[in-house]
C-alpha atoms as a PDB file:
ATOM      1  CA  MET A   1       0.000   0.000   0.000  1.00  0.00           C
ATOM      2  CA  PRO A   2       1.504   3.386  -0.996  1.00  0.00           C
ATOM      3  CA  ALA A   3       2.426   5.920   1.665  1.00  0.00           C
ATOM      4  CA  PRO A   4      -0.180   8.653   2.248  1.00  0.00           C
ATOM      5  CA  LEU A   5       0.273  11.897   0.359  1.00  0.00           C
ATOM      6  CA  THR A   6       2.055  14.639   2.296  1.00  0.00           C
ATOM      7  CA  HIS A   7       1.320  18.276   1.522  1.00  0.00           C
ATOM      8  CA  VAL A   8       4.520  20.287   2.041  1.00  0.00           C
ATOM      9  CA  TYR A   9       4.045  24.045   2.280  1.00  0.00           C
ATOM     10  CA  LEU A  10       7.143  26.221   2.059  1.00  0.00           C
ATOM     11  CA  SER A  11       6.793  29.313   4.232  1.00  0.00           C
ATOM     12  CA  PRO A  12       9.339  32.138   3.964  1.00  0.00           C
ATOM     13  CA  HIS A  13       8.564  33.303   7.514  1.00  0.00           C
ATOM     14  CA  LEU A  14       6.821  31.911  10.558  1.00  0.00           C
ATOM     15  CA  ASP A  15       3.327  32.809   9.340  1.00  0.00           C
ATOM     16  CA  ASP A  16       3.264  33.161   5.548  1.00  0.00           C
ATOM     17  CA  ALA A  17       1.956  29.723   4.599  1.00  0.00           C
ATOM     18  CA  VAL A  18      -0.846  29.897   7.174  1.00  0.00           C
ATOM     19  CA  LEU A  19      -1.806  33.398   6.062  1.00  0.00           C
ATOM     20  CA  SER A  20      -2.052  32.164   2.491  1.00  0.00           C
ATOM     21  CA  CYS A  21      -3.230  28.543   2.745  1.00  0.00           C
ATOM     22  CA  GLY A  22      -4.440  27.882   6.286  1.00  0.00           C
ATOM     23  CA  GLY A  23      -7.906  26.800   5.181  1.00  0.00           C
ATOM     24  CA  SER A  24      -6.551  24.295   2.664  1.00  0.00           C
ATOM     25  CA  MET A  25      -4.148  22.909   5.237  1.00  0.00           C
ATOM     26  CA  ARG A  26      -6.922  22.167   7.692  1.00  0.00           C
ATOM     27  CA  ARG A  27      -9.109  20.614   5.008  1.00  0.00           C
ATOM     28  CA  GLN A  28      -6.275  18.360   3.888  1.00  0.00           C
ATOM     29  CA  ALA A  29      -5.462  17.343   7.455  1.00  0.00           C
ATOM     30  CA  ARG A  30      -9.130  16.581   8.224  1.00  0.00           C
ATOM     31  CA  ALA A  31      -9.263  14.420   5.096  1.00  0.00           C
ATOM     32  CA  GLY A  32      -6.482  12.244   6.504  1.00  0.00           C
ATOM     33  CA  GLY A  33      -3.522  13.777   4.709  1.00  0.00           C
ATOM     34  CA  ARG A  34      -0.277  14.763   6.316  1.00  0.00           C
ATOM     35  CA  VAL A  35       0.458  18.493   6.228  1.00  0.00           C
ATOM     36  CA  VAL A  36       3.986  19.770   6.837  1.00  0.00           C
ATOM     37  CA  VAL A  37       4.979  23.443   6.892  1.00  0.00           C
ATOM     38  CA  VAL A  38       8.648  24.162   6.272  1.00  0.00           C
ATOM     39  CA  SER A  39       9.486  27.647   7.549  1.00  0.00           C
ATOM     40  CA  VAL A  40      12.701  28.725   5.860  1.00  0.00           C
ATOM     41  CA  CYS A  41      13.660  31.910   7.722  1.00  0.00           C
ATOM     42  CA  ALA A  42      13.105  30.604  11.238  1.00  0.00           C
ATOM     43  CA  GLY A  43      16.658  30.668  12.592  1.00  0.00           C
ATOM     44  CA  ASP A  44      18.124  32.721  15.409  1.00  0.00           C
ATOM     45  CA  PRO A  45      19.897  35.906  14.319  1.00  0.00           C
ATOM     46  CA  PRO A  46      23.698  36.055  14.461  1.00  0.00           C
ATOM     47  CA  SER A  47      25.341  37.791  17.385  1.00  0.00           C
ATOM     48  CA  GLY A  48      25.998  41.466  17.051  1.00  0.00           C
ATOM     49  CA  VAL A  49      24.159  44.765  17.025  1.00  0.00           C
ATOM     50  CA  LEU A  50      20.836  44.833  15.236  1.00  0.00           C
ATOM     51  CA  SER A  51      20.126  47.429  12.578  1.00  0.00           C
ATOM     52  CA  GLU A  52      17.870  50.296  13.591  1.00  0.00           C
ATOM     53  CA  PHE A  53      15.203  48.820  11.333  1.00  0.00           C
ATOM     54  CA  ALA A  54      15.329  45.449  13.105  1.00  0.00           C
ATOM     55  CA  GLN A  55      15.200  47.169  16.489  1.00  0.00           C
ATOM     56  CA  GLU A  56      12.111  49.093  15.400  1.00  0.00           C
ATOM     57  CA  LEU A  57      10.423  45.867  14.345  1.00  0.00           C
ATOM     58  CA  HIS A  58      11.298  44.187  17.644  1.00  0.00           C
ATOM     59  CA  ALA A  59       9.851  47.127  19.547  1.00  0.00           C
ATOM     60  CA  ARG A  60       6.607  46.763  17.605  1.00  0.00           C
ATOM     61  CA  TRP A  61       6.504  42.977  17.958  1.00  0.00           C
ATOM     62  CA  THR A  62       6.568  42.968  21.725  1.00  0.00           C
ATOM     63  CA  GLU A  63       4.491  44.622  24.413  1.00  0.00           C
ATOM     64  CA  GLU A  64       7.301  44.280  26.948  1.00  0.00           C
ATOM     65  CA  ALA A  65       8.882  47.465  28.235  1.00  0.00           C
ATOM     66  CA  ALA A  66      12.379  46.278  27.336  1.00  0.00           C
ATOM     67  CA  ARG A  67      13.230  44.915  23.935  1.00  0.00           C
ATOM     68  CA  PRO A  68      13.974  41.193  24.028  1.00  0.00           C
ATOM     69  CA  LEU A  69      17.210  39.664  22.859  1.00  0.00           C
ATOM     70  CA  PRO A  70      17.027  38.720  19.162  1.00  0.00           C
ATOM     71  CA  ALA A  71      17.231  34.974  19.863  1.00  0.00           C
ATOM     72  CA  HIS A  72      14.449  35.266  22.428  1.00  0.00           C
ATOM     73  CA  MET A  73      12.230  37.019  19.900  1.00  0.00           C
ATOM     74  CA  THR A  74      12.797  34.319  17.279  1.00  0.00           C
ATOM     75  CA  ALA A  75      12.168  31.562  19.807  1.00  0.00           C
ATOM     76  CA  SER A  76       8.889  33.252  20.726  1.00  0.00           C
ATOM     77  CA  ARG A  77       7.893  33.366  17.076  1.00  0.00           C
ATOM     78  CA  ARG A  78       8.686  29.669  16.636  1.00  0.00           C
ATOM     79  CA  ALA A  79       6.417  28.954  19.598  1.00  0.00           C
ATOM     80  CA  GLU A  80       3.677  31.004  17.932  1.00  0.00           C
ATOM     81  CA  ASP A  81       4.120  28.905  14.804  1.00  0.00           C
ATOM     82  CA  LEU A  82       3.701  25.641  16.697  1.00  0.00           C
ATOM     83  CA  ALA A  83       0.506  26.938  18.300  1.00  0.00           C
ATOM     84  CA  ALA A  84      -0.845  28.114  14.943  1.00  0.00           C
ATOM     85  CA  LEU A  85      -0.131  24.843  13.148  1.00  0.00           C
ATOM     86  CA  ASP A  86      -1.698  22.884  15.992  1.00  0.00           C
ATOM     87  CA  GLN A  87      -4.961  24.675  15.163  1.00  0.00           C
ATOM     88  CA  LEU A  88      -4.753  23.261  11.641  1.00  0.00           C
ATOM     89  CA  GLY A  89      -3.464  19.750  12.336  1.00  0.00           C
ATOM     90  CA  ALA A  90      -0.156  20.504  10.616  1.00  0.00           C
ATOM     91  CA  GLU A  91       3.465  19.734  11.490  1.00  0.00           C
ATOM     92  CA  ALA A  92       6.361  22.194  11.588  1.00  0.00           C
ATOM     93  CA  ILE A  93       9.897  22.024  10.260  1.00  0.00           C
ATOM     94  CA  HIS A  94      12.016  25.068  11.111  1.00  0.00           C
ATOM     95  CA  PHE A  95      15.096  25.789   9.019  1.00  0.00           C
ATOM     96  CA  THR A  96      17.893  27.812  10.603  1.00  0.00           C
ATOM     97  CA  VAL A  97      18.144  30.674   8.088  1.00  0.00           C
ATOM     98  CA  PRO A  98      17.773  34.039   9.874  1.00  0.00           C
ATOM     99  CA  GLU A  99      15.275  36.533   8.501  1.00  0.00           C
ATOM    100  CA  ALA A 100      16.548  39.140   6.050  1.00  0.00           C
ATOM    101  CA  ILE A 101      16.474  41.854   8.718  1.00  0.00           C
ATOM    102  CA  TYR A 102      19.203  39.943  10.583  1.00  0.00           C
ATOM    103  CA  ARG A 103      21.441  38.775   7.724  1.00  0.00           C
ATOM    104  CA  THR A 104      24.809  40.411   7.115  1.00  0.00           C
ATOM    105  CA  ASP A 105      27.418  40.431   4.372  1.00  0.00           C
ATOM    106  CA  PRO A 106      29.896  37.584   5.028  1.00  0.00           C
ATOM    107  CA  GLY A 107      32.835  39.881   4.260  1.00  0.00           C
ATOM    108  CA  THR A 108      31.932  43.250   5.732  1.00  0.00           C
ATOM    109  CA  ARG A 109      29.412  42.090   8.391  1.00  0.00           C
ATOM    110  CA  ARG A 110      27.174  44.958   7.351  1.00  0.00           C
ATOM    111  CA  ASN A 111      23.433  44.406   7.330  1.00  0.00           C
ATOM    112  CA  LEU A 112      22.281  43.346   3.869  1.00  0.00           C
ATOM    113  CA  TYR A 113      18.736  44.641   4.324  1.00  0.00           C
ATOM    114  CA  PRO A 114      18.845  47.577   6.782  1.00  0.00           C
ATOM    115  CA  THR A 115      15.614  49.277   5.659  1.00  0.00           C
ATOM    116  CA  GLU A 116      12.054  48.410   4.706  1.00  0.00           C
ATOM    117  CA  LYS A 117      12.832  49.389   1.115  1.00  0.00           C
ATOM    118  CA  ALA A 118      15.739  46.943   1.049  1.00  0.00           C
ATOM    119  CA  ILE A 119      13.657  43.916   2.086  1.00  0.00           C
ATOM    120  CA  PHE A 120      11.363  44.552  -0.866  1.00  0.00           C
ATOM    121  CA  GLY A 121      14.254  44.904  -3.291  1.00  0.00           C
ATOM    122  CA  GLU A 122      16.389  42.263  -4.950  1.00  0.00           C
ATOM    123  CA  LEU A 123      18.092  39.340  -3.263  1.00  0.00           C
ATOM    124  CA  HIS A 124      21.655  40.446  -2.499  1.00  0.00           C
ATOM    125  CA  PRO A 125      24.242  38.853  -4.858  1.00  0.00           C
ATOM    126  CA  SER A 126      26.169  37.513  -1.869  1.00  0.00           C
ATOM    127  CA  GLU A 127      23.166  35.321  -0.939  1.00  0.00           C
ATOM    128  CA  GLN A 128      23.285  32.972  -3.915  1.00  0.00           C
ATOM    129  CA  ALA A 129      25.298  30.549  -1.789  1.00  0.00           C
ATOM    130  CA  LEU A 130      22.574  30.743   0.868  1.00  0.00           C
ATOM    131  CA  ALA A 131      19.950  29.962  -1.771  1.00  0.00           C
ATOM    132  CA  ARG A 132      21.926  26.891  -2.845  1.00  0.00           C
ATOM    133  CA  ARG A 133      22.327  25.671   0.734  1.00  0.00           C
ATOM    134  CA  THR A 134      18.638  26.170   1.381  1.00  0.00           C
ATOM    135  CA  ALA A 135      17.762  24.215  -1.766  1.00  0.00           C
ATOM    136  CA  GLN A 136      20.009  21.369  -0.627  1.00  0.00           C
ATOM    137  CA  ARG A 137      18.431  21.339   2.839  1.00  0.00           C
ATOM    138  CA  LEU A 138      14.997  21.238   1.257  1.00  0.00           C
ATOM    139  CA  SER A 139      16.023  18.401  -1.046  1.00  0.00           C
ATOM    140  CA  ASP A 140      17.220  16.430   1.976  1.00  0.00           C
ATOM    141  CA  VAL A 141      13.870  16.936   3.714  1.00  0.00           C
ATOM    142  CA  LEU A 142      11.848  15.934   0.663  1.00  0.00           C
ATOM    143  CA  ARG A 143      13.873  12.771   0.135  1.00  0.00           C
ATOM    144  CA  GLY A 144      12.605  11.623   3.524  1.00  0.00           C
ATOM    145  CA  ILE A 145       8.953  12.033   2.471  1.00  0.00           C
ATOM    146  CA  PRO A 146       7.986   9.265   0.010  1.00  0.00           C
ATOM    147  CA  ARG A 147       4.899  10.845  -1.608  1.00  0.00           C
ATOM    148  CA  HIS A 148       4.499  14.585  -1.478  1.00  0.00           C
ATOM    149  CA  TRP A 149       3.249  17.699  -3.176  1.00  0.00           C
ATOM    150  CA  VAL A 150       5.232  20.892  -2.684  1.00  0.00           C
ATOM    151  CA  TYR A 151       3.537  24.287  -2.483  1.00  0.00           C
ATOM    152  CA  ALA A 152       5.862  27.286  -2.916  1.00  0.00           C
ATOM    153  CA  PRO A 153       5.170  31.025  -2.638  1.00  0.00           C
ATOM    154  CA  LEU A 154       4.813  33.062  -5.815  1.00  0.00           C
ATOM    155  CA  ALA A 155       6.780  35.814  -4.031  1.00  0.00           C
ATOM    156  CA  LEU A 156       4.105  38.419  -4.680  1.00  0.00           C
ATOM    157  CA  GLY A 157       5.117  41.617  -2.944  1.00  0.00           C
ATOM    158  CA  HIS A 158       8.760  40.911  -3.821  1.00  0.00           C
ATOM    159  CA  HIS A 159       9.974  40.404  -0.245  1.00  0.00           C
ATOM    160  CA  VAL A 160      13.535  39.059  -0.430  1.00  0.00           C
ATOM    161  CA  ASP A 161      12.783  36.137   1.919  1.00  0.00           C
ATOM    162  CA  HIS A 162       9.906  35.104  -0.340  1.00  0.00           C
ATOM    163  CA  LEU A 163      12.231  35.369  -3.344  1.00  0.00           C
ATOM    164  CA  LEU A 164      14.810  33.234  -1.525  1.00  0.00           C
ATOM    165  CA  THR A 165      12.221  30.585  -0.676  1.00  0.00           C
ATOM    166  CA  ARG A 166      10.879  30.398  -4.221  1.00  0.00           C
ATOM    167  CA  GLN A 167      14.372  30.236  -5.706  1.00  0.00           C
ATOM    168  CA  ALA A 168      15.365  27.424  -3.343  1.00  0.00           C
ATOM    169  CA  ALA A 169      12.143  25.519  -4.101  1.00  0.00           C
ATOM    170  CA  GLU A 170      12.716  25.723  -7.841  1.00  0.00           C
ATOM    171  CA  ALA A 171      16.327  24.633  -7.469  1.00  0.00           C
ATOM    172  CA  ALA A 172      15.257  21.650  -5.368  1.00  0.00           C
ATOM    173  CA  GLY A 173      12.643  20.795  -8.013  1.00  0.00           C
ATOM    174  CA  GLY A 174       9.221  19.197  -7.953  1.00  0.00           C
ATOM    175  CA  VAL A 175       7.008  22.189  -7.167  1.00  0.00           C
ATOM    176  CA  HIS A 176       3.396  21.021  -7.498  1.00  0.00           C
ATOM    177  CA  ALA A 177       1.780  24.452  -7.169  1.00  0.00           C
ATOM    178  CA  TYR A 178       2.472  28.034  -6.182  1.00  0.00           C
ATOM    179  CA  TYR A 179       0.342  29.866  -3.655  1.00  0.00           C
ATOM    180  CA  GLU A 180      -0.497  33.541  -3.637  1.00  0.00           C
ATOM    181  CA  ASP A 181       1.279  35.366  -0.826  1.00  0.00           C
ATOM    182  CA  TYR A 182      -1.440  36.872   1.359  1.00  0.00           C
ATOM    183  CA  PRO A 183      -1.940  39.733   2.122  1.00  0.00           C
ATOM    184  CA  TYR A 184       0.513  41.017  -0.528  1.00  0.00           C
ATOM    185  CA  VAL A 185      -1.730  39.518  -3.200  1.00  0.00           C
ATOM    186  CA  GLU A 186      -4.485  42.002  -2.337  1.00  0.00           C
ATOM    187  CA  LYS A 187      -2.491  44.822  -3.925  1.00  0.00           C
ATOM    188  CA  VAL A 188      -1.536  42.731  -6.953  1.00  0.00           C
ATOM    189  CA  ASP A 189      -5.079  41.431  -7.380  1.00  0.00           C
ATOM    190  CA  ARG A 190      -6.353  44.915  -8.094  1.00  0.00           C
ATOM    191  CA  ALA A 191      -4.141  44.820 -11.208  1.00  0.00           C
ATOM    192  CA  GLY A 192      -5.888  41.689 -12.506  1.00  0.00           C
ATOM    193  CA  LEU A 193      -3.829  38.804 -11.135  1.00  0.00           C
ATOM    194  CA  GLY A 194      -6.805  36.462 -11.262  1.00  0.00           C
ATOM    195  CA  THR A 195      -7.202  36.787 -15.028  1.00  0.00           C
ATOM    196  CA  ALA A 196      -3.823  35.569 -16.284  1.00  0.00           C
ATOM    197  CA  PRO A 197      -0.715  33.626 -15.227  1.00  0.00           C
ATOM    198  CA  VAL A 198       1.512  35.798 -13.092  1.00  0.00           C
ATOM    199  CA  THR A 199       4.908  34.569 -14.193  1.00  0.00           C
ATOM    200  CA  SER A 200       6.778  31.719 -15.801  1.00  0.00           C
ATOM    201  CA  THR A 201       8.040  28.581 -14.096  1.00  0.00           C
ATOM    202  CA  PRO A 202      11.395  26.815 -14.546  1.00  0.00           C
ATOM    203  CA  LEU A 203      11.801  25.174 -17.966  1.00  0.00           C
ATOM    204  CA  GLY A 204       8.972  27.331 -19.282  1.00  0.00           C
ATOM    205  CA  ARG A 205       6.166  25.196 -17.842  1.00  0.00           C
ATOM    206  CA  GLU A 206       2.737  26.804 -17.648  1.00  0.00           C
ATOM    207  CA  MET A 207       0.608  27.438 -14.571  1.00  0.00           C
ATOM    208  CA  ARG A 208      -3.149  27.095 -14.251  1.00  0.00           C
ATOM    209  CA  SER A 209      -5.174  29.064 -11.721  1.00  0.00           C
ATOM    210  CA  GLU A 210      -7.266  26.973  -9.328  1.00  0.00           C
ATOM    211  CA  VAL A 211      -9.410  28.054  -6.392  1.00  0.00           C
ATOM    212  CA  ALA A 212      -9.683  25.797  -3.357  1.00  0.00           C
ATOM    213  CA  PRO A 213     -13.001  26.545  -1.606  1.00  0.00           C
ATOM    214  CA  VAL A 214     -12.711  27.062   2.153  1.00  0.00           C
ATOM    215  CA  ALA A 215     -15.568  25.821   4.345  1.00  0.00           C
ATOM    216  CA  GLU A 216     -16.672  27.940   7.292  1.00  0.00           C
ATOM    217  CA  ASP A 217     -15.139  25.693   9.949  1.00  0.00           C
ATOM    218  CA  ASP A 218     -11.834  25.652   8.073  1.00  0.00           C
ATOM    219  CA  LEU A 219     -11.961  29.434   7.738  1.00  0.00           C
ATOM    220  CA  GLN A 220     -12.605  29.762  11.467  1.00  0.00           C
ATOM    221  CA  ALA A 221      -9.585  27.550  12.171  1.00  0.00           C
ATOM    222  CA  LYS A 222      -7.476  29.633   9.792  1.00  0.00           C
ATOM    223  CA  VAL A 223      -8.435  32.856  11.580  1.00  0.00           C
ATOM    224  CA  LYS A 224      -7.555  31.306  14.960  1.00  0.00           C
ATOM    225  CA  ALA A 225      -4.245  30.098  13.571  1.00  0.00           C
ATOM    226  CA  ILE A 226      -3.353  33.536  12.214  1.00  0.00           C
ATOM    227  CA  ALA A 227      -4.296  35.065  15.567  1.00  0.00           C
ATOM    228  CA  ALA A 228      -1.744  32.745  17.212  1.00  0.00           C
ATOM    229  CA  TYR A 229       0.978  34.805  15.507  1.00  0.00           C
ATOM    230  CA  ALA A 230       0.300  37.545  18.034  1.00  0.00           C
ATOM    231  CA  SER A 231       3.592  39.363  17.464  1.00  0.00           C
ATOM    232  CA  GLN A 232       2.859  39.763  13.764  1.00  0.00           C
ATOM    233  CA  ILE A 233      -0.724  41.007  13.698  1.00  0.00           C
ATOM    234  CA  SER A 234       0.358  44.665  13.743  1.00  0.00           C
ATOM    235  CA  THR A 235       2.441  44.117  10.616  1.00  0.00           C
ATOM    236  CA  PHE A 236      -0.712  44.192   8.504  1.00  0.00           C
ATOM    237  CA  TRP A 237      -3.714  45.020  10.730  1.00  0.00           C
ATOM    238  CA  LYS A 238      -4.807  47.175  13.628  1.00  0.00           C
ATOM    239  CA  ASP A 239      -5.996  44.216  15.695  1.00  0.00           C
ATOM    240  CA  VAL A 240      -7.286  40.630  15.496  1.00  0.00           C
ATOM    241  CA  GLU A 241     -10.831  41.732  14.687  1.00  0.00           C
ATOM    242  CA  THR A 242      -9.597  43.765  11.718  1.00  0.00           C
ATOM    243  CA  MET A 243      -7.545  40.785  10.574  1.00  0.00           C
ATOM    244  CA  GLU A 244     -10.561  38.466  10.655  1.00  0.00           C
ATOM    245  CA  THR A 245     -12.646  40.910   8.672  1.00  0.00           C
ATOM    246  CA  ALA A 246      -9.920  41.232   6.033  1.00  0.00           C
ATOM    247  CA  VAL A 247      -9.285  37.476   5.783  1.00  0.00           C
ATOM    248  CA  ARG A 248     -12.991  36.721   5.429  1.00  0.00           C
ATOM    249  CA  ALA A 249     -13.473  39.458   2.833  1.00  0.00           C
ATOM    250  CA  PHE A 250     -10.594  38.202   0.711  1.00  0.00           C
ATOM    251  CA  ALA A 251     -11.808  34.607   0.900  1.00  0.00           C
ATOM    252  CA  ALA A 252     -15.240  35.761  -0.219  1.00  0.00           C
ATOM    253  CA  SER A 253     -13.811  37.762  -3.122  1.00  0.00           C
ATOM    254  CA  THR A 254     -11.659  34.914  -4.442  1.00  0.00           C
ATOM    255  CA  GLY A 255     -13.929  31.999  -3.550  1.00  0.00           C
ATOM    256  CA  GLY A 256     -11.397  30.563  -1.105  1.00  0.00           C
ATOM    257  CA  GLU A 257      -7.633  30.212  -1.567  1.00  0.00           C
ATOM    258  CA  ARG A 258      -6.153  30.485  -5.048  1.00  0.00           C
ATOM    259  CA  LEU A 259      -3.254  28.353  -6.257  1.00  0.00           C
ATOM    260  CA  TRP A 260      -1.311  28.305  -9.519  1.00  0.00           C
ATOM    261  CA  ARG A 261      -0.796  24.646 -10.370  1.00  0.00           C
ATOM    262  CA  VAL A 262       2.155  23.667 -12.559  1.00  0.00           C
ATOM    263  CA  VAL A 263       0.923  21.796 -15.649  1.00  0.00           C
END
């Protein structure tokens, strides 16, 4: 008897896959499938002084009077991820790549992405080796899963960590479908994303848009899972109630969660 199918979602950060595909994850888990979320940029930051930008983010991410140590903040976010995935019946694999806001040039030790503008720019040339290592780590993980489908981010919004994750996924090979990075997709969608393929895939393969309907109980679980990322709510919304309203409205407008399947 063949091994059960495993759905492997690649998440640039400790929340992206749930934000984008949480309803599908829960549906797949309830149907008896195995769901695994691989968070790529889930590692502790290197020692040293944080950039002013990273310090500002830490100050926003915590309600504590004193800013936490970088490693403590990342550990807290990994704990949030475990709580979120538990809501959906999914498993977690945390890679050790630090987020872009922590990464430095191997030669100069200067921050590679010291501003908000920088993290939505291009992947720094010095990080091609990191992309190759991440692809190799992903290949090692996938070899241990007999039957699997891989879901990678489209990298809508052009965040460098999303670009890194997509590049590593394509280098590792075998991407089954790409998911739309929520909530970045909301801005792109106004330009007509739903009417045509967004970009090409390796080897020139085409993509076909598919919408996975999300039942109410799965949508409720998705909202609870997103709320578990308490430190990140303020990144996109005023509060949890605003988040739920936005998530429900987007699901209603798209019919659920939209994927671009490789054909």
